[in-house]
Amino acid sequence: MNFNRITVEPDKLEGKPTLRGLRITVESVVRLVAAGWTFEEILADYPDLERADITQALEYAAAATNVHFYPLREPA
C-alpha cells in the first residue's frame, strides 16, 4: 500500500506520522473519527486537510494494527 500522504520527520512532533508534513498527526485524525466526527466536521475544523488525507490516515492506522489476528470468543 502506498502512503504518499503520510510523512514522518524526526524533528517534528516527536517523529509521529503526520499528514503531508502538516502539524496534524495521523493519531489525531483517527481519534476524531473514533469520537464520531464526520469527514465534513474534520475538514471544517482543519481546513488544510483534504478528504484523501483522512482516508489515508485511517488506512495507515489499519495497516499499523495488522500484526496478528485474534478471534474474539463468544460470551459465556
N, C-alpha and C. Protein backbone atom coordinates (compact mmCIF):
# COMPACT_ATOMS: atom_id res chain seq x y z
N MET A 1 0.85 -1.17 0.00
CA MET A 1 0.00 0.00 0.00
C MET A 1 0.90 1.24 0.00
N ASN A 2 0.54 2.23 -0.76
CA ASN A 2 1.32 3.45 -0.88
C ASN A 2 0.72 4.54 0.01
N PHE A 3 1.50 4.97 0.99
CA PHE A 3 1.04 6.02 1.90
C PHE A 3 1.75 7.33 1.56
N ASN A 4 1.43 7.88 0.42
CA ASN A 4 2.12 9.07 -0.06
C ASN A 4 1.71 10.35 0.67
N ARG A 5 0.70 10.30 1.49
CA ARG A 5 0.27 11.48 2.24
C ARG A 5 0.78 11.45 3.67
N ILE A 6 1.38 10.35 4.08
CA ILE A 6 1.88 10.19 5.44
C ILE A 6 3.36 10.55 5.45
N THR A 7 3.74 11.45 6.35
CA THR A 7 5.14 11.83 6.46
C THR A 7 5.60 11.66 7.90
N VAL A 8 6.88 11.35 8.04
CA VAL A 8 7.50 11.23 9.36
C VAL A 8 8.78 12.04 9.32
N GLU A 9 8.84 13.02 10.20
CA GLU A 9 10.02 13.87 10.31
C GLU A 9 10.47 13.82 11.77
N PRO A 10 11.69 13.30 12.02
CA PRO A 10 12.14 13.14 13.40
C PRO A 10 12.09 14.42 14.24
N ASP A 11 12.26 15.58 13.62
CA ASP A 11 12.28 16.83 14.36
C ASP A 11 10.91 17.51 14.46
N LYS A 12 9.89 16.85 13.96
CA LYS A 12 8.54 17.43 14.00
C LYS A 12 7.60 16.51 14.77
N LEU A 13 6.98 17.03 15.81
CA LEU A 13 6.00 16.29 16.62
C LEU A 13 6.54 14.94 17.09
N GLU A 14 7.80 14.96 17.52
CA GLU A 14 8.46 13.76 18.07
C GLU A 14 8.51 12.61 17.08
N GLY A 15 8.49 12.91 15.80
CA GLY A 15 8.59 11.87 14.78
C GLY A 15 7.30 11.10 14.55
N LYS A 16 6.19 11.59 15.08
CA LYS A 16 4.90 10.92 14.86
C LYS A 16 4.48 11.07 13.40
N PRO A 17 3.79 10.08 12.86
CA PRO A 17 3.28 10.20 11.48
C PRO A 17 2.29 11.36 11.37
N THR A 18 2.52 12.21 10.39
CA THR A 18 1.65 13.35 10.14
C THR A 18 1.12 13.28 8.71
N LEU A 19 0.25 14.18 8.40
CA LEU A 19 -0.33 14.23 7.06
C LEU A 19 0.32 15.34 6.25
N ARG A 20 0.98 14.96 5.17
CA ARG A 20 1.62 15.87 4.22
C ARG A 20 2.52 16.90 4.87
N GLY A 21 3.19 16.52 5.95
CA GLY A 21 4.12 17.43 6.59
C GLY A 21 3.45 18.50 7.45
N LEU A 22 2.14 18.47 7.52
CA LEU A 22 1.41 19.41 8.38
C LEU A 22 1.60 18.99 9.83
N ARG A 23 1.29 19.86 10.72
CA ARG A 23 1.37 19.52 12.14
C ARG A 23 0.05 18.92 12.61
N ILE A 24 -0.44 17.99 11.83
CA ILE A 24 -1.66 17.25 12.15
C ILE A 24 -1.30 15.78 12.08
N THR A 25 -1.37 15.10 13.22
CA THR A 25 -0.94 13.70 13.27
C THR A 25 -2.03 12.76 12.79
N VAL A 26 -1.58 11.62 12.30
CA VAL A 26 -2.50 10.54 11.94
C VAL A 26 -3.33 10.17 13.17
N GLU A 27 -2.68 10.11 14.30
CA GLU A 27 -3.37 9.75 15.54
C GLU A 27 -4.53 10.70 15.83
N SER A 28 -4.30 11.99 15.67
CA SER A 28 -5.36 12.97 15.94
C SER A 28 -6.57 12.75 15.05
N VAL A 29 -6.32 12.51 13.78
CA VAL A 29 -7.41 12.31 12.83
C VAL A 29 -8.17 11.02 13.15
N VAL A 30 -7.44 9.96 13.45
CA VAL A 30 -8.09 8.68 13.77
C VAL A 30 -8.93 8.83 15.04
N ARG A 31 -8.42 9.55 16.02
CA ARG A 31 -9.18 9.75 17.26
C ARG A 31 -10.46 10.56 17.02
N LEU A 32 -10.39 11.55 16.13
CA LEU A 32 -11.59 12.32 15.81
C LEU A 32 -12.65 11.44 15.15
N VAL A 33 -12.22 10.60 14.22
CA VAL A 33 -13.17 9.69 13.56
C VAL A 33 -13.75 8.72 14.60
N ALA A 34 -12.91 8.20 15.48
CA ALA A 34 -13.38 7.28 16.51
C ALA A 34 -14.36 7.95 17.46
N ALA A 35 -14.21 9.26 17.65
CA ALA A 35 -15.11 10.01 18.53
C ALA A 35 -16.42 10.37 17.85
N GLY A 36 -16.54 10.00 16.57
CA GLY A 36 -17.80 10.21 15.89
C GLY A 36 -17.84 11.43 14.97
N TRP A 37 -16.71 12.11 14.80
CA TRP A 37 -16.68 13.26 13.90
C TRP A 37 -16.84 12.78 12.46
N THR A 38 -17.58 13.51 11.69
CA THR A 38 -17.70 13.21 10.26
C THR A 38 -16.51 13.81 9.52
N PHE A 39 -16.30 13.33 8.30
CA PHE A 39 -15.24 13.91 7.48
C PHE A 39 -15.48 15.41 7.32
N GLU A 40 -16.72 15.80 7.12
CA GLU A 40 -17.04 17.21 6.91
C GLU A 40 -16.69 18.05 8.14
N GLU A 41 -16.94 17.53 9.33
CA GLU A 41 -16.61 18.25 10.56
C GLU A 41 -15.09 18.41 10.70
N ILE A 42 -14.37 17.35 10.40
CA ILE A 42 -12.91 17.41 10.49
C ILE A 42 -12.37 18.42 9.49
N LEU A 43 -12.85 18.37 8.26
CA LEU A 43 -12.39 19.29 7.23
C LEU A 43 -12.73 20.74 7.57
N ALA A 44 -13.84 20.97 8.23
CA ALA A 44 -14.22 22.33 8.62
C ALA A 44 -13.28 22.86 9.71
N ASP A 45 -12.89 22.00 10.65
CA ASP A 45 -12.01 22.43 11.74
C ASP A 45 -10.53 22.45 11.34
N TYR A 46 -10.18 21.67 10.33
CA TYR A 46 -8.80 21.58 9.85
C TYR A 46 -8.79 21.86 8.35
N PRO A 47 -8.90 23.12 7.96
CA PRO A 47 -9.04 23.47 6.54
C PRO A 47 -7.83 23.09 5.68
N ASP A 48 -6.68 22.82 6.28
CA ASP A 48 -5.52 22.39 5.49
C ASP A 48 -5.63 20.93 5.06
N LEU A 49 -6.49 20.18 5.70
CA LEU A 49 -6.66 18.76 5.35
C LEU A 49 -7.55 18.61 4.12
N GLU A 50 -7.36 17.49 3.46
CA GLU A 50 -8.21 17.10 2.34
C GLU A 50 -8.86 15.77 2.69
N ARG A 51 -9.97 15.49 2.05
CA ARG A 51 -10.69 14.24 2.30
C ARG A 51 -9.76 13.03 2.16
N ALA A 52 -8.90 13.05 1.16
CA ALA A 52 -7.97 11.93 0.93
C ALA A 52 -7.00 11.76 2.10
N ASP A 53 -6.68 12.85 2.82
CA ASP A 53 -5.81 12.75 4.00
C ASP A 53 -6.48 11.91 5.08
N ILE A 54 -7.76 12.17 5.30
CA ILE A 54 -8.48 11.43 6.34
C ILE A 54 -8.56 9.95 5.97
N THR A 55 -8.90 9.68 4.74
CA THR A 55 -8.99 8.29 4.28
C THR A 55 -7.65 7.58 4.46
N GLN A 56 -6.57 8.26 4.05
CA GLN A 56 -5.28 7.60 4.15
C GLN A 56 -4.83 7.44 5.60
N ALA A 57 -5.19 8.36 6.48
CA ALA A 57 -4.88 8.21 7.90
C ALA A 57 -5.54 6.96 8.45
N LEU A 58 -6.79 6.72 8.07
CA LEU A 58 -7.49 5.51 8.52
C LEU A 58 -6.86 4.25 7.93
N GLU A 59 -6.49 4.30 6.67
CA GLU A 59 -5.83 3.15 6.04
C GLU A 59 -4.49 2.85 6.70
N TYR A 60 -3.74 3.91 7.01
CA TYR A 60 -2.44 3.76 7.67
C TYR A 60 -2.61 3.13 9.06
N ALA A 61 -3.59 3.62 9.81
CA ALA A 61 -3.85 3.08 11.14
C ALA A 61 -4.25 1.61 11.07
N ALA A 62 -5.07 1.27 10.09
CA ALA A 62 -5.48 -0.13 9.92
C ALA A 62 -4.28 -1.00 9.59
N ALA A 63 -3.42 -0.52 8.70
CA ALA A 63 -2.23 -1.28 8.33
C ALA A 63 -1.29 -1.43 9.52
N ALA A 64 -1.20 -0.41 10.36
CA ALA A 64 -0.32 -0.46 11.51
C ALA A 64 -0.77 -1.47 12.55
N THR A 65 -2.05 -1.78 12.58
CA THR A 65 -2.57 -2.75 13.55
C THR A 65 -2.64 -4.16 12.97
N ASN A 66 -2.28 -4.31 11.72
CA ASN A 66 -2.37 -5.61 11.05
C ASN A 66 -1.15 -6.48 11.38
N VAL A 67 -1.00 -6.79 12.66
CA VAL A 67 0.12 -7.60 13.10
C VAL A 67 -0.32 -9.04 13.34
N HIS A 68 -1.35 -9.20 14.14
CA HIS A 68 -1.88 -10.52 14.46
C HIS A 68 -3.39 -10.43 14.47
N PHE A 69 -4.00 -11.53 14.20
CA PHE A 69 -5.46 -11.60 14.27
C PHE A 69 -5.82 -12.54 15.39
N TYR A 70 -6.59 -12.07 16.34
CA TYR A 70 -7.04 -12.88 17.47
C TYR A 70 -8.56 -12.94 17.42
N PRO A 71 -9.13 -14.10 17.10
CA PRO A 71 -10.59 -14.19 17.05
C PRO A 71 -11.18 -13.94 18.43
N LEU A 72 -12.28 -13.24 18.44
CA LEU A 72 -12.98 -12.97 19.70
C LEU A 72 -13.75 -14.20 20.12
N ARG A 73 -13.78 -14.43 21.42
CA ARG A 73 -14.54 -15.56 21.93
C ARG A 73 -15.98 -15.16 22.13
N GLU A 74 -16.85 -16.11 22.01
CA GLU A 74 -18.27 -15.87 22.28
C GLU A 74 -18.45 -15.64 23.78
N PRO A 75 -19.33 -14.74 24.17
CA PRO A 75 -19.58 -14.52 25.59
C PRO A 75 -20.12 -15.78 26.26
N ALA A 76 -19.78 -15.94 27.51
CA ALA A 76 -20.19 -17.13 28.27
C ALA A 76 -21.66 -17.11 28.56
